[in-house]
N, C-alpha and C. Protein backbone atom coordinates (compact mmCIF):
# COMPACT_ATOMS: atom_id res chain seq x y z
N MET A 1 28.26 -51.97 43.79
CA MET A 1 28.96 -50.91 43.10
C MET A 1 30.08 -50.37 43.97
N GLY A 2 29.78 -49.90 45.19
CA GLY A 2 30.83 -49.36 46.05
C GLY A 2 31.35 -48.04 45.53
N SER A 3 32.29 -47.48 46.21
CA SER A 3 32.89 -46.22 45.80
C SER A 3 34.31 -46.47 45.31
N PRO A 4 34.62 -46.01 44.09
CA PRO A 4 35.98 -46.21 43.59
C PRO A 4 37.01 -45.34 44.32
N ARG A 5 36.54 -44.32 45.04
CA ARG A 5 37.45 -43.40 45.72
C ARG A 5 37.58 -43.65 47.21
N SER A 6 36.78 -44.57 47.73
CA SER A 6 36.71 -44.76 49.18
C SER A 6 36.90 -46.22 49.57
N THR A 7 37.33 -46.41 50.80
CA THR A 7 37.35 -47.73 51.42
C THR A 7 36.07 -47.84 52.23
N THR A 8 35.27 -48.86 51.95
CA THR A 8 33.97 -49.02 52.59
C THR A 8 34.05 -50.05 53.71
N LEU A 9 33.51 -49.67 54.86
CA LEU A 9 33.46 -50.57 56.01
C LEU A 9 32.03 -50.70 56.51
N VAL A 10 31.66 -51.91 56.88
CA VAL A 10 30.38 -52.16 57.53
C VAL A 10 30.67 -52.56 58.97
N LEU A 11 30.04 -51.85 59.91
CA LEU A 11 30.18 -52.15 61.33
C LEU A 11 29.02 -53.02 61.77
N VAL A 12 29.32 -54.10 62.48
CA VAL A 12 28.26 -54.96 63.02
C VAL A 12 28.59 -55.29 64.47
N GLY A 13 27.53 -55.52 65.25
CA GLY A 13 27.71 -55.92 66.63
C GLY A 13 27.26 -54.85 67.60
N GLN A 14 27.30 -55.22 68.89
CA GLN A 14 26.92 -54.29 69.94
C GLN A 14 27.85 -53.09 69.96
N GLY A 15 27.26 -51.91 70.02
CA GLY A 15 28.07 -50.71 70.07
C GLY A 15 28.34 -50.09 68.71
N SER A 16 27.71 -50.62 67.66
CA SER A 16 27.99 -50.06 66.33
C SER A 16 27.50 -48.61 66.23
N ASP A 17 26.41 -48.26 66.94
CA ASP A 17 25.93 -46.87 66.91
C ASP A 17 26.97 -45.92 67.48
N ARG A 18 27.55 -46.28 68.63
CA ARG A 18 28.60 -45.44 69.23
C ARG A 18 29.81 -45.33 68.32
N ALA A 19 30.19 -46.45 67.74
CA ALA A 19 31.36 -46.46 66.86
C ALA A 19 31.11 -45.60 65.62
N LEU A 20 29.90 -45.71 65.04
CA LEU A 20 29.57 -44.88 63.89
C LEU A 20 29.62 -43.40 64.25
N GLY A 21 29.08 -43.07 65.42
CA GLY A 21 29.10 -41.68 65.87
C GLY A 21 30.51 -41.15 66.03
N ALA A 22 31.37 -41.96 66.64
CA ALA A 22 32.76 -41.54 66.84
C ALA A 22 33.49 -41.38 65.51
N LEU A 23 33.31 -42.34 64.62
CA LEU A 23 33.98 -42.26 63.32
C LEU A 23 33.43 -41.11 62.48
N GLY A 24 32.15 -40.82 62.63
CA GLY A 24 31.53 -39.72 61.88
C GLY A 24 32.11 -38.36 62.22
N GLN A 25 32.79 -38.25 63.36
CA GLN A 25 33.42 -36.99 63.76
C GLN A 25 34.73 -36.73 63.01
N LEU A 26 35.27 -37.76 62.39
CA LEU A 26 36.55 -37.62 61.69
C LEU A 26 36.34 -36.99 60.32
N ALA A 27 37.24 -36.11 59.93
CA ALA A 27 37.11 -35.38 58.67
C ALA A 27 37.20 -36.28 57.45
N ASN A 28 37.91 -37.39 57.56
CA ASN A 28 38.12 -38.25 56.40
C ASN A 28 37.15 -39.43 56.34
N VAL A 29 36.07 -39.36 57.14
CA VAL A 29 35.11 -40.46 57.21
C VAL A 29 33.70 -39.93 56.96
N ARG A 30 32.99 -40.63 56.12
CA ARG A 30 31.55 -40.39 55.95
C ARG A 30 30.85 -41.57 56.59
N ALA A 31 30.04 -41.30 57.62
CA ALA A 31 29.41 -42.38 58.38
C ALA A 31 27.91 -42.14 58.51
N SER A 32 27.15 -43.23 58.47
CA SER A 32 25.71 -43.14 58.67
C SER A 32 25.17 -44.49 59.10
N SER A 33 24.04 -44.45 59.78
CA SER A 33 23.36 -45.67 60.20
C SER A 33 22.16 -45.91 59.29
N PHE A 34 22.03 -47.13 58.82
CA PHE A 34 20.91 -47.54 57.98
C PHE A 34 20.30 -48.81 58.57
N PRO A 35 19.52 -48.69 59.65
CA PRO A 35 18.95 -49.90 60.25
C PRO A 35 18.13 -50.70 59.25
N ASP A 36 18.15 -52.02 59.41
CA ASP A 36 17.40 -52.89 58.49
C ASP A 36 15.92 -52.56 58.47
N GLU A 37 15.38 -52.10 59.59
CA GLU A 37 13.95 -51.84 59.65
C GLU A 37 13.57 -50.48 59.05
N SER A 38 14.53 -49.73 58.56
CA SER A 38 14.24 -48.43 57.94
C SER A 38 13.68 -48.64 56.54
N ASP A 39 13.14 -47.57 55.99
CA ASP A 39 12.59 -47.61 54.63
C ASP A 39 13.66 -47.45 53.56
N ILE A 40 14.90 -47.38 53.96
CA ILE A 40 15.99 -47.18 53.01
C ILE A 40 16.38 -48.53 52.42
N SER A 41 16.39 -48.60 51.10
CA SER A 41 16.71 -49.87 50.42
C SER A 41 18.22 -50.07 50.35
N ASN A 42 18.60 -51.30 50.09
CA ASN A 42 20.03 -51.60 49.89
C ASN A 42 20.58 -50.83 48.70
N GLU A 43 19.75 -50.64 47.67
CA GLU A 43 20.18 -49.87 46.50
C GLU A 43 20.48 -48.43 46.87
N GLN A 44 19.65 -47.85 47.76
CA GLN A 44 19.89 -46.47 48.20
C GLN A 44 21.18 -46.38 49.03
N VAL A 45 21.42 -47.37 49.86
CA VAL A 45 22.66 -47.40 50.63
C VAL A 45 23.85 -47.49 49.68
N ASP A 46 23.75 -48.36 48.68
CA ASP A 46 24.85 -48.51 47.73
C ASP A 46 25.08 -47.21 46.95
N ARG A 47 24.01 -46.52 46.61
CA ARG A 47 24.14 -45.22 45.92
C ARG A 47 24.84 -44.22 46.84
N TRP A 48 24.45 -44.19 48.12
CA TRP A 48 25.08 -43.30 49.10
C TRP A 48 26.58 -43.58 49.18
N VAL A 49 26.95 -44.85 49.21
CA VAL A 49 28.36 -45.24 49.27
C VAL A 49 29.08 -44.79 48.00
N SER A 50 28.48 -45.05 46.84
CA SER A 50 29.16 -44.77 45.57
C SER A 50 29.35 -43.27 45.33
N GLN A 51 28.55 -42.43 45.98
CA GLN A 51 28.66 -40.99 45.79
C GLN A 51 29.65 -40.33 46.74
N SER A 52 30.24 -41.12 47.59
CA SER A 52 31.16 -40.56 48.58
C SER A 52 32.51 -40.23 47.95
N ASP A 53 33.12 -39.17 48.46
CA ASP A 53 34.46 -38.84 48.01
C ASP A 53 35.44 -38.74 49.18
N THR A 54 35.02 -39.24 50.35
CA THR A 54 35.92 -39.29 51.50
C THR A 54 36.75 -40.57 51.43
N PRO A 55 37.90 -40.59 52.08
CA PRO A 55 38.71 -41.81 52.05
C PRO A 55 38.02 -43.03 52.64
N TYR A 56 37.14 -42.82 53.65
CA TYR A 56 36.46 -43.94 54.30
C TYR A 56 34.95 -43.69 54.33
N VAL A 57 34.21 -44.74 54.02
CA VAL A 57 32.75 -44.72 54.11
C VAL A 57 32.37 -45.84 55.07
N VAL A 58 31.64 -45.49 56.12
CA VAL A 58 31.31 -46.46 57.16
C VAL A 58 29.81 -46.44 57.41
N HIS A 59 29.22 -47.63 57.44
CA HIS A 59 27.79 -47.74 57.75
C HIS A 59 27.52 -49.09 58.40
N ASP A 60 26.24 -49.32 58.71
CA ASP A 60 25.89 -50.55 59.42
C ASP A 60 24.91 -51.44 58.66
N ARG A 61 24.72 -51.22 57.37
CA ARG A 61 23.81 -52.06 56.58
C ARG A 61 24.61 -53.16 55.91
N ASP A 62 24.43 -54.36 56.37
CA ASP A 62 25.16 -55.51 55.83
C ASP A 62 24.46 -56.00 54.57
N PRO A 63 25.13 -55.96 53.42
CA PRO A 63 24.49 -56.44 52.19
C PRO A 63 24.19 -57.94 52.23
N LEU A 64 24.85 -58.66 53.12
CA LEU A 64 24.60 -60.10 53.27
C LEU A 64 23.77 -60.39 54.52
N GLY A 65 23.14 -59.38 55.07
CA GLY A 65 22.40 -59.54 56.31
C GLY A 65 21.33 -60.61 56.27
N HIS A 66 20.60 -60.69 55.16
CA HIS A 66 19.54 -61.71 55.05
C HIS A 66 20.14 -63.11 54.93
N VAL A 67 21.25 -63.22 54.23
CA VAL A 67 21.93 -64.52 54.14
C VAL A 67 22.44 -64.92 55.52
N ALA A 68 23.04 -63.98 56.22
CA ALA A 68 23.57 -64.27 57.56
C ALA A 68 22.45 -64.73 58.49
N SER A 69 21.34 -64.01 58.49
CA SER A 69 20.22 -64.38 59.36
C SER A 69 19.68 -65.76 59.00
N ALA A 70 19.54 -66.02 57.71
CA ALA A 70 19.02 -67.33 57.27
C ALA A 70 19.99 -68.45 57.64
N TRP A 71 21.29 -68.20 57.54
CA TRP A 71 22.28 -69.21 57.90
C TRP A 71 22.22 -69.52 59.40
N VAL A 72 22.18 -68.45 60.20
CA VAL A 72 22.10 -68.64 61.66
C VAL A 72 20.81 -69.36 62.03
N GLU A 73 19.70 -68.94 61.45
CA GLU A 73 18.42 -69.59 61.76
C GLU A 73 18.41 -71.05 61.30
N PHE A 74 19.02 -71.34 60.17
CA PHE A 74 19.08 -72.72 59.69
C PHE A 74 19.84 -73.60 60.69
N PHE A 75 21.00 -73.13 61.12
CA PHE A 75 21.79 -73.95 62.04
C PHE A 75 21.29 -73.90 63.48
N ASP A 76 20.42 -72.96 63.78
CA ASP A 76 19.76 -72.95 65.09
C ASP A 76 18.39 -73.64 65.02
N ASP A 77 18.13 -74.34 63.91
CA ASP A 77 16.87 -75.08 63.69
C ASP A 77 15.63 -74.18 63.77
N GLN A 78 15.75 -72.98 63.21
CA GLN A 78 14.62 -72.05 63.18
C GLN A 78 14.17 -71.75 61.76
N ALA A 79 14.87 -72.26 60.77
CA ALA A 79 14.51 -72.03 59.37
C ALA A 79 14.93 -73.25 58.56
N THR A 80 14.43 -73.29 57.33
CA THR A 80 14.72 -74.43 56.46
C THR A 80 15.88 -74.11 55.52
N LEU A 81 16.40 -75.16 54.92
CA LEU A 81 17.43 -74.99 53.91
C LEU A 81 16.89 -74.18 52.74
N GLY A 82 15.61 -74.35 52.42
CA GLY A 82 15.00 -73.58 51.34
C GLY A 82 15.06 -72.08 51.59
N THR A 83 14.87 -71.67 52.84
CA THR A 83 14.96 -70.25 53.19
C THR A 83 16.38 -69.74 52.97
N LEU A 84 17.34 -70.51 53.41
CA LEU A 84 18.75 -70.13 53.21
C LEU A 84 19.08 -70.05 51.73
N ASP A 85 18.66 -71.05 50.96
CA ASP A 85 18.91 -71.05 49.51
C ASP A 85 18.28 -69.83 48.84
N LEU A 86 17.07 -69.47 49.25
CA LEU A 86 16.39 -68.31 48.69
C LEU A 86 17.18 -67.03 48.96
N GLU A 87 17.64 -66.86 50.19
CA GLU A 87 18.40 -65.65 50.53
C GLU A 87 19.74 -65.61 49.79
N VAL A 88 20.37 -66.76 49.63
CA VAL A 88 21.61 -66.81 48.86
C VAL A 88 21.34 -66.42 47.41
N ASP A 89 20.28 -66.97 46.82
CA ASP A 89 19.92 -66.62 45.43
C ASP A 89 19.68 -65.13 45.28
N ARG A 90 18.95 -64.55 46.23
CA ARG A 90 18.67 -63.10 46.18
C ARG A 90 19.96 -62.29 46.29
N ALA A 91 20.83 -62.67 47.19
CA ALA A 91 22.08 -61.93 47.35
C ALA A 91 22.96 -62.05 46.11
N VAL A 92 23.09 -63.26 45.57
CA VAL A 92 23.90 -63.46 44.37
C VAL A 92 23.34 -62.63 43.22
N ALA A 93 22.02 -62.64 43.06
CA ALA A 93 21.40 -61.85 41.98
C ALA A 93 21.63 -60.36 42.20
N GLY A 94 21.47 -59.88 43.44
CA GLY A 94 21.68 -58.47 43.74
C GLY A 94 23.12 -58.04 43.53
N LEU A 95 24.06 -58.88 43.90
CA LEU A 95 25.47 -58.58 43.68
C LEU A 95 25.80 -58.57 42.19
N ALA A 96 25.26 -59.53 41.45
CA ALA A 96 25.52 -59.61 40.00
C ALA A 96 24.92 -58.41 39.27
N ALA A 97 23.76 -57.94 39.73
CA ALA A 97 23.08 -56.82 39.07
C ALA A 97 23.63 -55.47 39.51
N GLY A 98 24.53 -55.46 40.49
CA GLY A 98 25.06 -54.20 40.99
C GLY A 98 24.13 -53.50 41.96
N GLU A 99 23.09 -54.20 42.42
CA GLU A 99 22.16 -53.62 43.40
C GLU A 99 22.73 -53.70 44.81
N LEU A 100 23.65 -54.61 45.02
CA LEU A 100 24.35 -54.79 46.29
C LEU A 100 25.84 -54.80 46.01
N SER A 101 26.61 -54.41 47.00
CA SER A 101 28.06 -54.57 46.88
C SER A 101 28.63 -54.91 48.25
N LEU A 102 29.62 -55.76 48.24
CA LEU A 102 30.29 -56.13 49.48
C LEU A 102 31.19 -54.98 49.92
N PRO A 103 31.26 -54.73 51.22
CA PRO A 103 32.18 -53.69 51.68
C PRO A 103 33.62 -54.18 51.53
N ASP A 104 34.53 -53.25 51.60
CA ASP A 104 35.94 -53.64 51.59
C ASP A 104 36.27 -54.41 52.86
N TYR A 105 35.67 -53.99 53.98
CA TYR A 105 35.93 -54.64 55.27
C TYR A 105 34.66 -54.69 56.10
N TYR A 106 34.58 -55.73 56.91
CA TYR A 106 33.60 -55.80 57.99
C TYR A 106 34.38 -55.61 59.29
N ILE A 107 33.88 -54.74 60.16
CA ILE A 107 34.44 -54.58 61.50
C ILE A 107 33.41 -55.19 62.46
N ILE A 108 33.81 -56.24 63.15
CA ILE A 108 32.92 -56.94 64.07
C ILE A 108 33.20 -56.40 65.47
N ILE A 109 32.24 -55.64 66.00
CA ILE A 109 32.41 -54.98 67.29
C ILE A 109 32.00 -55.92 68.42
N GLN A 110 32.86 -56.01 69.42
CA GLN A 110 32.60 -56.85 70.60
C GLN A 110 32.22 -58.27 70.20
N PRO A 111 33.04 -58.97 69.44
CA PRO A 111 32.65 -60.30 68.95
C PRO A 111 32.36 -61.30 70.06
N GLU A 112 32.96 -61.11 71.23
CA GLU A 112 32.71 -62.07 72.31
C GLU A 112 31.28 -61.97 72.85
N THR A 113 30.57 -60.88 72.54
CA THR A 113 29.19 -60.75 73.01
C THR A 113 28.18 -61.39 72.06
N LEU A 114 28.62 -61.84 70.92
CA LEU A 114 27.71 -62.44 69.94
C LEU A 114 27.26 -63.82 70.39
N ALA A 115 26.05 -64.18 69.98
CA ALA A 115 25.56 -65.54 70.22
C ALA A 115 26.46 -66.52 69.46
N PRO A 116 26.58 -67.75 69.94
CA PRO A 116 27.54 -68.70 69.35
C PRO A 116 27.42 -68.87 67.83
N THR A 117 26.22 -69.04 67.31
CA THR A 117 26.10 -69.27 65.87
C THR A 117 26.49 -68.02 65.09
N TRP A 118 26.16 -66.85 65.63
CA TRP A 118 26.57 -65.61 64.98
C TRP A 118 28.10 -65.48 64.98
N LYS A 119 28.75 -65.89 66.04
CA LYS A 119 30.22 -65.87 66.05
C LYS A 119 30.77 -66.71 64.90
N HIS A 120 30.15 -67.87 64.68
CA HIS A 120 30.62 -68.74 63.60
C HIS A 120 30.43 -68.07 62.24
N TRP A 121 29.34 -67.32 62.07
CA TRP A 121 29.13 -66.61 60.81
C TRP A 121 30.21 -65.54 60.63
N TRP A 122 30.33 -64.65 61.63
CA TRP A 122 31.23 -63.50 61.49
C TRP A 122 32.70 -63.86 61.55
N LEU A 123 33.05 -64.85 62.35
CA LEU A 123 34.46 -65.18 62.54
C LEU A 123 34.86 -66.48 61.86
N GLY A 124 33.93 -67.09 61.14
CA GLY A 124 34.21 -68.35 60.45
C GLY A 124 33.84 -68.32 58.98
N VAL A 125 32.55 -68.17 58.69
CA VAL A 125 32.09 -68.23 57.30
C VAL A 125 32.69 -67.09 56.47
N LEU A 126 32.53 -65.85 56.92
CA LEU A 126 33.04 -64.72 56.13
C LEU A 126 34.57 -64.72 56.02
N PRO A 127 35.30 -64.89 57.12
CA PRO A 127 36.76 -64.93 56.96
C PRO A 127 37.27 -66.10 56.12
N LYS A 128 36.50 -67.17 56.06
CA LYS A 128 36.90 -68.29 55.19
C LYS A 128 36.96 -67.82 53.74
N ALA A 129 36.05 -66.93 53.35
CA ALA A 129 36.03 -66.41 51.98
C ALA A 129 37.13 -65.38 51.75
N ALA A 130 37.37 -64.52 52.73
CA ALA A 130 38.38 -63.45 52.58
C ALA A 130 38.91 -63.10 53.97
N PRO A 131 39.95 -63.79 54.41
CA PRO A 131 40.42 -63.65 55.80
C PRO A 131 40.77 -62.24 56.25
N THR A 132 41.35 -61.44 55.39
CA THR A 132 41.77 -60.10 55.83
C THR A 132 40.65 -59.08 55.76
N ARG A 133 39.49 -59.47 55.31
CA ARG A 133 38.38 -58.53 55.13
C ARG A 133 37.41 -58.48 56.31
N VAL A 134 37.65 -59.30 57.32
CA VAL A 134 36.80 -59.33 58.51
C VAL A 134 37.68 -59.09 59.72
N ILE A 135 37.40 -57.99 60.44
CA ILE A 135 38.28 -57.56 61.53
C ILE A 135 37.50 -57.50 62.84
N PRO A 136 37.83 -58.37 63.79
CA PRO A 136 37.21 -58.26 65.12
C PRO A 136 37.79 -57.05 65.86
N TRP A 137 36.94 -56.34 66.60
CA TRP A 137 37.39 -55.16 67.33
C TRP A 137 36.63 -55.05 68.64
N ASN A 138 37.35 -54.75 69.70
CA ASN A 138 36.75 -54.54 71.02
C ASN A 138 36.94 -53.11 71.46
N GLU A 139 35.86 -52.50 71.95
CA GLU A 139 35.96 -51.16 72.51
C GLU A 139 36.97 -51.19 73.64
N GLY A 140 37.69 -50.10 73.79
CA GLY A 140 38.67 -50.03 74.86
C GLY A 140 40.05 -50.51 74.45
N GLN A 141 40.15 -51.10 73.27
CA GLN A 141 41.46 -51.51 72.77
C GLN A 141 41.94 -50.43 71.82
N THR A 142 42.48 -50.81 70.71
CA THR A 142 42.95 -49.86 69.71
C THR A 142 41.79 -48.98 69.24
N PRO A 143 41.96 -47.65 69.23
CA PRO A 143 40.88 -46.79 68.74
C PRO A 143 40.54 -47.14 67.28
N LEU A 144 39.26 -47.03 66.95
CA LEU A 144 38.84 -47.34 65.58
C LEU A 144 39.54 -46.45 64.56
N SER A 145 39.85 -45.21 64.94
CA SER A 145 40.56 -44.34 64.00
C SER A 145 41.91 -44.94 63.62
N ARG A 146 42.56 -45.60 64.57
CA ARG A 146 43.83 -46.26 64.27
C ARG A 146 43.61 -47.52 63.45
N VAL A 147 42.52 -48.24 63.73
CA VAL A 147 42.20 -49.43 62.94
C VAL A 147 42.05 -49.05 61.47
N LEU A 148 41.41 -47.90 61.21
CA LEU A 148 41.27 -47.45 59.82
C LEU A 148 42.63 -47.24 59.16
N ARG A 149 43.56 -46.68 59.90
CA ARG A 149 44.89 -46.42 59.33
C ARG A 149 45.71 -47.70 59.16
N GLN A 150 45.32 -48.77 59.85
CA GLN A 150 46.11 -50.00 59.81
C GLN A 150 45.34 -51.17 59.19
N LEU A 151 44.40 -50.88 58.32
CA LEU A 151 43.64 -51.97 57.70
C LEU A 151 44.59 -52.90 56.95
N PRO A 152 44.41 -54.19 57.12
CA PRO A 152 45.32 -55.13 56.46
C PRO A 152 45.13 -55.14 54.94
N VAL A 153 46.20 -55.38 54.26
CA VAL A 153 46.15 -55.52 52.81
C VAL A 153 46.05 -57.00 52.50
N GLY A 154 45.21 -57.34 51.60
CA GLY A 154 45.05 -58.74 51.22
C GLY A 154 44.17 -58.83 49.99
N ARG A 155 43.96 -60.03 49.57
CA ARG A 155 43.14 -60.20 48.37
C ARG A 155 41.73 -59.70 48.62
N ALA A 156 41.11 -59.24 47.58
CA ALA A 156 39.74 -58.76 47.67
C ALA A 156 38.79 -59.94 47.84
N TRP A 157 37.52 -59.64 48.04
CA TRP A 157 36.53 -60.70 48.12
C TRP A 157 36.56 -61.49 46.83
N PRO A 158 36.53 -62.80 46.92
CA PRO A 158 36.42 -63.59 45.69
C PRO A 158 35.03 -63.43 45.09
N ASN A 159 34.86 -63.89 43.87
CA ASN A 159 33.54 -63.88 43.25
C ASN A 159 32.55 -64.48 44.25
N PRO A 160 31.51 -63.75 44.64
CA PRO A 160 30.63 -64.23 45.70
C PRO A 160 29.76 -65.42 45.32
N ASP A 161 29.46 -65.60 44.06
CA ASP A 161 28.55 -66.68 43.66
C ASP A 161 28.99 -68.05 44.19
N PRO A 162 30.21 -68.51 43.93
CA PRO A 162 30.58 -69.85 44.39
C PRO A 162 30.60 -70.00 45.92
N TRP A 163 31.19 -69.05 46.63
CA TRP A 163 31.30 -69.26 48.07
C TRP A 163 29.98 -69.02 48.79
N LEU A 164 29.13 -68.13 48.28
CA LEU A 164 27.82 -67.97 48.91
C LEU A 164 26.97 -69.22 48.73
N ARG A 165 27.10 -69.86 47.58
CA ARG A 165 26.30 -71.07 47.35
C ARG A 165 26.78 -72.24 48.22
N GLU A 166 27.95 -72.10 48.82
CA GLU A 166 28.49 -73.15 49.70
C GLU A 166 28.24 -72.90 51.18
N VAL A 167 27.60 -71.77 51.54
CA VAL A 167 27.47 -71.45 52.97
C VAL A 167 26.67 -72.49 53.75
N ALA A 168 25.73 -73.16 53.10
CA ALA A 168 24.95 -74.18 53.81
C ALA A 168 25.83 -75.35 54.24
N ARG A 169 26.96 -75.51 53.57
CA ARG A 169 27.90 -76.58 53.94
C ARG A 169 28.93 -76.11 54.97
N SER A 170 28.87 -74.83 55.33
CA SER A 170 29.76 -74.28 56.36
C SER A 170 29.10 -74.49 57.71
N VAL A 171 29.37 -75.63 58.29
CA VAL A 171 28.73 -76.03 59.54
C VAL A 171 29.45 -75.41 60.73
N PRO A 172 28.71 -74.76 61.65
CA PRO A 172 29.36 -74.22 62.84
C PRO A 172 30.19 -75.30 63.53
N ASP A 173 31.25 -74.90 64.14
CA ASP A 173 32.21 -75.78 64.82
C ASP A 173 33.04 -76.62 63.86
N ARG A 174 32.78 -76.56 62.57
CA ARG A 174 33.56 -77.31 61.59
C ARG A 174 34.25 -76.38 60.58
N ILE A 175 33.91 -75.11 60.60
CA ILE A 175 34.48 -74.16 59.65
C ILE A 175 35.98 -74.07 59.86
N GLY A 176 36.71 -74.19 58.78
CA GLY A 176 38.16 -74.09 58.82
C GLY A 176 38.88 -75.39 59.10
N LEU A 177 38.14 -76.42 59.46
CA LEU A 177 38.77 -77.71 59.70
C LEU A 177 38.87 -78.46 58.39
N ASP A 178 39.99 -79.09 58.17
CA ASP A 178 40.16 -79.87 56.95
C ASP A 178 39.26 -81.09 57.00
N PRO A 179 38.60 -81.42 55.87
CA PRO A 179 37.78 -82.63 55.88
C PRO A 179 38.65 -83.86 56.09
N ALA A 180 38.17 -84.76 56.90
CA ALA A 180 38.96 -85.98 57.19
C ALA A 180 38.54 -87.11 56.30
């Protein structure tokens, strides 16, 4: 669902708690942490987002978190293709039913600290679907408040059904390379 009045950002990576805290101090930002292990459902997070009337809504609950984990585990030989397919089916169904919504942007904090397969997910699979919607950011560089003011304009996320169903074919180290 998302908020029609706000730009929604999901922060991921090391330091997201500090970044959320800093952004939460800004008058034009509504920020909160929703750890995956909390009792708060994705539907409740989406409702929280949709009720916002601030220009920016920032949180740390990735609506594709289960798909991302299953993809990483599949390519790290810790899960089966069936697990990945199941998580993709659940995400596609949740997005279609309005129980989940993709954020306008993902901010990837300290991307160089991510494990290799996670880097491929955050800097390969997702940007392949919508290049301007995934923004790497390092603490100590441009302040996040400035990043908010300079968010790139580009096409929105494409219909998630087709590209999510193709994530199993997005092989690390091959993402973005033309097939030969």
